[in-house]
Amino acid sequence: MFLQINYKCRFILFHVVSLGMKLRGHIESFVLIILGIFSAGMGIKGFLLSSGFIDGGVTGISMLLAKVTGAPISILIFVINLPFLVLGYRQLGISFAVRSALAIAGLSVCLAFIHFPDVTHDLLLTAVFGGFFLGAGIGLAIRGGAVLDGTEIAALLLSRKTGVLKISDVILLFNVVIFAAAVFFLGVEPALYSILTYLGASRMVEFVINGIEQYTGITVVSGKGDEIRQAILKHGRGVTIYAGKSGYGKDGHINSPRDIVFTVATRLEIPSIKREILEIDPAAFIVQQSIEDTTGGLVKRKGLLH
């Protein structure tokens, strides 16, 4: 009887903890999206609109049409994103689509009803900080599980359809068309400042998503694998060991067995780890590759801005 009651208590406690974690996740997502909306609104209304600069993507199309036609950007930014939200629902699920729809609707309401001060009339500062705030807003929304710009949804689908172009290639081509149109409708100088805005925004999105502690995978091929493993473990990082053999020459002659050591670290830790590896084995073969994110293992969990 006692064991049965104890099992029920554990079962209830497990579900309470699970529910609490889910609620916390939803609250964090909500806060990130709200912060993203206000940051993007500040970038658009506080900097870019008054100077006639645009960004890339759907946001850029909306700003360009608002400048040319005089239509309210708050309406354009929602209407133009609608087709991409439908595609997002079909490909990425209803949860993503609903969050993104609410986020874009929130941005539209923010642009329509909230007053932002016109911070500066300096064109360079406008381009740089407009991109800074807009990129931060888009990045925060992505961290919250939503998008404020449907460009990446379209890029993902076109990349899958063609099988040739990468997502980044599709986005680049998309933006080349937008900025070419900006040269025609706005003039050369505003278009050039707009490109500067886009570059700033894209870098800020990358920083908010990946942060200063962007992960890097390190693969080390060495005959002193165990010593290298111990050195990496001292940094608090997990290590995976593969068994391998070295090959030399055009004939692919098989030489002695070698350990292949793999670990994941932040880019701030890379120099000290590489230095220790080369001190142990100056002939070690080291390969680095960027990693977007990790789950589990001995990798530190990413914070808001890492």
Protein backbone atom coordinates (compact mmCIF):
# COMPACT_ATOMS: atom_id res chain seq x y z
CA MET A 1 0.00 0.00 0.00
CA PHE A 2 2.81 2.38 0.98
CA LEU A 3 4.70 1.61 -2.25
CA GLN A 4 1.56 2.31 -4.30
CA ILE A 5 1.06 5.71 -2.62
CA ASN A 6 4.74 6.54 -3.08
CA TYR A 7 4.50 5.70 -6.79
CA LYS A 8 1.44 7.95 -7.16
CA CYS A 9 3.24 10.82 -5.41
CA ARG A 10 6.22 10.46 -7.74
CA PHE A 11 3.90 10.32 -10.75
CA ILE A 12 2.10 13.51 -9.68
CA LEU A 13 5.40 15.27 -8.88
CA PHE A 14 6.81 14.34 -12.29
CA HIS A 15 3.78 15.82 -14.08
CA VAL A 16 3.84 18.99 -11.96
CA VAL A 17 7.53 19.53 -12.76
CA SER A 18 6.92 18.78 -16.44
CA LEU A 19 4.01 21.23 -16.55
CA GLY A 20 6.12 23.88 -14.80
CA MET A 21 8.92 23.49 -17.34
CA LYS A 22 6.48 23.79 -20.25
CA LEU A 23 4.90 26.89 -18.70
CA ARG A 24 8.32 28.43 -18.16
CA GLY A 25 9.21 27.72 -21.80
CA HIS A 26 6.01 29.41 -23.02
CA ILE A 27 6.63 32.46 -20.81
CA GLU A 28 10.23 32.76 -22.06
CA SER A 29 9.04 32.54 -25.68
CA PHE A 30 6.35 35.17 -25.05
CA VAL A 31 8.84 37.58 -23.46
CA LEU A 32 11.38 37.11 -26.27
CA ILE A 33 8.75 37.72 -28.95
CA ILE A 34 7.41 40.85 -27.21
CA LEU A 35 10.95 42.25 -26.85
CA GLY A 36 11.55 41.40 -30.50
CA ILE A 37 8.42 43.27 -31.61
CA PHE A 38 9.39 46.45 -29.75
CA SER A 39 13.00 46.29 -30.92
CA ALA A 40 11.97 45.83 -34.55
CA GLY A 41 9.38 48.62 -34.18
CA MET A 42 12.09 50.93 -32.84
CA GLY A 43 14.37 50.09 -35.75
CA ILE A 44 11.67 50.72 -38.36
CA LYS A 45 9.88 53.78 -36.94
CA GLY A 46 12.65 55.27 -34.82
CA PHE A 47 15.29 55.16 -37.55
CA LEU A 48 14.50 53.84 -41.01
CA LEU A 49 11.11 55.20 -42.09
CA SER A 50 11.97 58.86 -41.60
CA SER A 51 15.11 58.50 -43.75
CA GLY A 52 13.51 56.39 -46.47
CA PHE A 53 15.85 53.43 -45.96
CA ILE A 54 14.70 49.83 -46.23
CA ASP A 55 15.85 46.40 -45.08
CA GLY A 56 15.95 43.14 -47.01
CA GLY A 57 13.30 40.43 -47.08
CA VAL A 58 9.57 40.85 -46.65
CA THR A 59 10.17 43.77 -44.28
CA GLY A 60 12.11 45.51 -47.02
CA ILE A 61 9.39 44.89 -49.60
CA SER A 62 6.79 46.32 -47.19
CA MET A 63 8.91 49.41 -46.50
CA LEU A 64 9.58 49.95 -50.22
CA LEU A 65 5.88 49.66 -51.11
CA ALA A 66 4.95 51.97 -48.24
CA LYS A 67 7.43 54.56 -49.55
CA VAL A 68 6.28 54.26 -53.18
CA THR A 69 2.51 53.88 -52.72
CA GLY A 70 1.94 55.68 -49.41
CA ALA A 71 0.08 52.66 -47.99
CA PRO A 72 0.44 52.08 -44.22
CA ILE A 73 3.41 49.86 -43.48
CA SER A 74 1.54 48.31 -40.55
CA ILE A 75 -0.96 46.78 -43.00
CA LEU A 76 1.57 45.90 -45.72
CA ILE A 77 3.90 44.06 -43.36
CA PHE A 78 1.09 41.75 -42.24
CA VAL A 79 -0.57 41.21 -45.64
CA ILE A 80 2.69 40.43 -47.49
CA ASN A 81 3.75 37.98 -44.77
CA LEU A 82 0.45 36.03 -44.93
CA PRO A 83 1.41 33.71 -47.82
CA PHE A 84 4.67 32.85 -46.06
CA LEU A 85 2.77 32.06 -42.86
CA VAL A 86 0.57 29.62 -44.80
CA LEU A 87 3.69 27.94 -46.17
CA GLY A 88 5.13 27.88 -42.68
CA TYR A 89 2.01 26.14 -41.37
CA ARG A 90 2.23 23.45 -44.02
CA GLN A 91 5.94 22.81 -43.62
CA LEU A 92 6.79 23.66 -40.00
CA GLY A 93 3.57 23.01 -38.08
CA ILE A 94 0.70 24.91 -36.52
CA SER A 95 2.57 25.99 -33.37
CA PHE A 96 5.21 27.82 -35.41
CA ALA A 97 2.59 29.35 -37.71
CA VAL A 98 0.40 30.61 -34.85
CA ARG A 99 3.34 32.11 -32.96
CA SER A 100 4.62 33.79 -36.11
CA ALA A 101 1.17 35.12 -37.05
CA LEU A 102 0.74 36.62 -33.58
CA ALA A 103 4.27 38.06 -33.66
CA ILE A 104 3.74 39.71 -37.08
CA ALA A 105 0.30 40.95 -36.03
CA GLY A 106 1.90 42.37 -32.88
CA LEU A 107 4.53 44.15 -34.97
CA SER A 108 1.78 45.59 -37.19
CA VAL A 109 -0.13 46.89 -34.14
CA CYS A 110 3.12 48.27 -32.71
CA LEU A 111 3.89 50.16 -35.92
CA ALA A 112 0.33 51.46 -36.18
CA PHE A 113 -0.29 52.69 -32.64
CA ILE A 114 2.98 53.09 -30.72
CA HIS A 115 4.99 56.28 -31.10
CA PHE A 116 8.75 55.97 -31.40
CA PRO A 117 10.98 59.06 -31.32
CA ASP A 118 12.89 60.00 -34.46
CA VAL A 119 16.28 59.44 -32.89
CA THR A 120 18.71 60.99 -35.39
CA HIS A 121 18.87 62.60 -38.81
CA ASP A 122 22.42 61.43 -39.46
CA LEU A 123 22.13 59.02 -42.38
CA LEU A 124 25.00 56.73 -41.37
CA LEU A 125 23.78 56.42 -37.77
CA THR A 126 20.26 55.79 -39.05
CA ALA A 127 21.41 52.97 -41.32
CA VAL A 128 23.63 51.33 -38.68
CA PHE A 129 21.33 51.56 -35.66
CA GLY A 130 18.17 50.96 -37.67
CA GLY A 131 19.70 47.67 -38.75
CA PHE A 132 20.88 47.02 -35.18
CA PHE A 133 17.41 47.32 -33.61
CA LEU A 134 15.60 45.59 -36.47
CA GLY A 135 18.07 42.68 -36.52
CA ALA A 136 17.88 42.33 -32.74
CA GLY A 137 14.08 42.20 -32.95
CA ILE A 138 14.05 39.54 -35.66
CA GLY A 139 16.65 37.49 -33.78
CA LEU A 140 14.76 37.68 -30.47
CA ALA A 141 11.55 36.56 -32.19
CA ILE A 142 13.39 33.58 -33.72
CA ARG A 143 14.74 32.69 -30.27
CA GLY A 144 11.12 32.76 -29.11
CA GLY A 145 10.05 30.29 -31.82
CA ALA A 146 8.52 32.75 -34.30
CA VAL A 147 9.50 34.95 -37.24
CA LEU A 148 8.85 38.62 -37.96
CA ASP A 149 9.87 38.19 -41.60
CA GLY A 150 8.74 35.30 -43.80
CA THR A 151 11.76 35.40 -46.14
CA GLU A 152 13.54 32.46 -44.54
CA ILE A 153 10.42 30.28 -44.82
CA ALA A 154 10.31 30.93 -48.56
CA ALA A 155 14.08 30.38 -48.84
CA LEU A 156 13.81 27.05 -47.02
CA LEU A 157 11.06 25.81 -49.35
CA LEU A 158 12.79 26.99 -52.55
CA SER A 159 16.03 25.38 -51.40
CA ARG A 160 14.21 22.07 -50.91
CA LYS A 161 12.47 22.37 -54.27
CA THR A 162 15.54 23.17 -56.35
CA GLY A 163 18.01 20.98 -54.48
CA VAL A 164 20.79 23.18 -55.91
CA LEU A 165 20.54 26.48 -54.04
CA LYS A 166 21.27 26.78 -50.34
CA ILE A 167 18.99 28.82 -48.09
CA SER A 168 21.58 31.61 -47.95
CA ASP A 169 21.76 31.63 -51.78
CA VAL A 170 17.98 32.06 -52.07
CA ILE A 171 17.96 34.88 -49.51
CA LEU A 172 20.83 36.60 -51.34
CA LEU A 173 19.06 36.44 -54.71
CA PHE A 174 15.83 37.63 -53.11
CA ASN A 175 17.56 40.65 -51.62
CA VAL A 176 19.48 41.48 -54.81
CA VAL A 177 16.10 41.95 -56.52
CA ILE A 178 14.80 44.10 -53.64
CA PHE A 179 17.82 46.42 -53.59
CA ALA A 180 17.84 46.67 -57.39
CA ALA A 181 14.24 47.87 -57.13
CA ALA A 182 15.32 50.27 -54.36
CA VAL A 183 17.91 51.81 -56.72
CA PHE A 184 15.16 52.40 -59.29
CA PHE A 185 12.49 53.77 -56.91
CA LEU A 186 14.52 55.43 -54.15
CA GLY A 187 17.79 56.35 -55.84
CA VAL A 188 21.35 55.13 -55.58
CA GLU A 189 22.30 56.71 -52.25
CA PRO A 190 19.25 55.52 -50.24
CA ALA A 191 19.69 52.05 -51.77
CA LEU A 192 23.35 51.94 -50.68
CA TYR A 193 22.43 53.01 -47.16
CA SER A 194 19.70 50.35 -47.22
CA ILE A 195 22.28 47.69 -48.07
CA LEU A 196 24.28 48.88 -45.07
CA THR A 197 21.13 48.55 -42.95
CA TYR A 198 20.58 45.01 -44.22
CA LEU A 199 24.17 43.98 -43.48
CA GLY A 200 23.91 45.36 -39.96
CA ALA A 201 20.56 43.67 -39.38
CA SER A 202 21.73 40.28 -40.68
CA ARG A 203 24.83 40.36 -38.47
CA MET A 204 22.70 41.28 -35.47
CA VAL A 205 20.29 38.41 -36.16
CA GLU A 206 23.23 36.02 -36.28
CA PHE A 207 24.64 37.42 -33.04
CA VAL A 208 21.33 37.18 -31.15
CA ILE A 209 20.73 33.60 -32.33
CA ASN A 210 24.28 32.27 -31.99
CA GLY A 211 25.80 34.78 -29.58
CA ILE A 212 29.39 35.35 -28.60
CA GLU A 213 29.67 31.71 -27.53
CA GLN A 214 28.84 30.28 -30.93
CA TYR A 215 29.73 26.60 -30.89
CA THR A 216 32.58 25.14 -32.91
CA GLY A 217 33.23 21.45 -33.49
CA ILE A 218 36.86 20.33 -33.25
CA THR A 219 38.10 17.08 -34.80
CA VAL A 220 41.64 16.02 -33.89
CA VAL A 221 43.56 13.15 -35.51
CA SER A 222 46.57 12.21 -33.40
CA GLY A 223 48.60 9.31 -32.11
CA LYS A 224 48.28 10.83 -28.61
CA GLY A 225 44.50 10.72 -28.45
CA ASP A 226 44.26 9.78 -24.78
CA GLU A 227 46.42 12.70 -23.62
CA ILE A 228 44.42 15.09 -25.80
CA ARG A 229 41.17 13.66 -24.44
CA GLN A 230 42.30 14.31 -20.86
CA ALA A 231 43.36 17.86 -21.72
CA ILE A 232 39.95 18.64 -23.24
CA LEU A 233 38.11 17.12 -20.27
CA LYS A 234 39.93 19.59 -18.00
CA HIS A 235 38.04 22.35 -19.85
CA GLY A 236 34.74 20.74 -18.80
CA ARG A 237 33.93 19.56 -22.31
CA GLY A 238 32.69 16.15 -23.39
CA VAL A 239 34.78 14.12 -25.82
CA THR A 240 33.91 11.44 -28.37
CA ILE A 241 36.65 9.05 -29.55
CA TYR A 242 36.58 7.36 -32.95
CA ALA A 243 38.97 4.59 -33.92
CA GLY A 244 40.83 5.41 -37.14
CA LYS A 245 43.90 4.62 -39.21
CA SER A 246 46.20 7.10 -40.90
CA GLY A 247 46.84 6.86 -44.64
CA TYR A 248 49.78 8.27 -46.55
CA GLY A 249 50.74 8.56 -50.20
CA LYS A 250 48.83 8.18 -53.42
CA ASP A 251 48.51 4.43 -52.91
CA GLY A 252 46.56 5.02 -49.68
CA HIS A 253 49.05 3.01 -47.64
CA ILE A 254 47.57 2.24 -44.21
CA ASN A 255 49.80 3.27 -41.34
CA SER A 256 49.41 2.97 -37.56
CA PRO A 257 46.02 3.24 -35.80
CA ARG A 258 45.07 6.73 -34.65
CA ASP A 259 42.42 8.08 -32.28
CA ILE A 260 40.04 10.62 -33.79
CA VAL A 261 38.94 12.97 -31.02
CA PHE A 262 35.82 15.10 -31.41
CA THR A 263 34.56 17.81 -29.07
CA VAL A 264 32.38 20.92 -29.12
CA ALA A 265 33.43 24.20 -27.53
CA THR A 266 32.66 27.90 -27.77
CA ARG A 267 34.83 30.01 -30.03
CA LEU A 268 36.21 31.80 -26.96
CA GLU A 269 37.63 28.48 -25.73
CA ILE A 270 39.08 27.37 -29.07
CA PRO A 271 42.50 29.12 -28.83
CA SER A 272 43.38 27.63 -25.42
CA ILE A 273 42.19 24.14 -26.45
CA LYS A 274 44.18 24.22 -29.70
CA ARG A 275 47.25 25.48 -27.88
CA GLU A 276 47.13 22.56 -25.44
CA ILE A 277 46.55 20.05 -28.24
CA LEU A 278 49.58 21.31 -30.18
CA GLU A 279 51.71 21.28 -27.04
CA ILE A 280 50.86 17.59 -26.60
CA ASP A 281 51.25 16.71 -30.29
CA PRO A 282 52.66 19.38 -32.65
CA ALA A 283 51.86 17.07 -35.61
CA ALA A 284 48.16 16.73 -34.69
CA PHE A 285 45.72 17.27 -37.55
CA ILE A 286 42.95 19.65 -36.36
CA VAL A 287 39.73 20.46 -38.23
CA GLN A 288 37.19 23.08 -37.07
CA GLN A 289 33.59 23.49 -38.22
CA SER A 290 30.78 25.82 -37.16
CA ILE A 291 27.89 24.28 -35.24
CA GLU A 292 24.56 26.11 -34.97
CA ASP A 293 23.37 24.53 -31.71
CA THR A 294 23.69 21.45 -29.51
CA THR A 295 21.49 19.46 -27.17
CA GLY A 296 22.62 17.29 -24.28
CA GLY A 297 26.14 16.18 -23.44
CA LEU A 298 28.59 18.37 -21.53
CA VAL A 299 27.91 21.52 -23.53
CA LYS A 300 26.70 24.53 -21.60
CA ARG A 301 23.13 25.55 -22.28
CA LYS A 302 22.82 28.78 -24.23
CA GLY A 303 21.40 31.78 -22.46
CA LEU A 304 19.44 34.64 -23.98
CA LEU A 305 22.45 36.26 -25.61
CA HIS A 306 24.88 33.49 -24.66
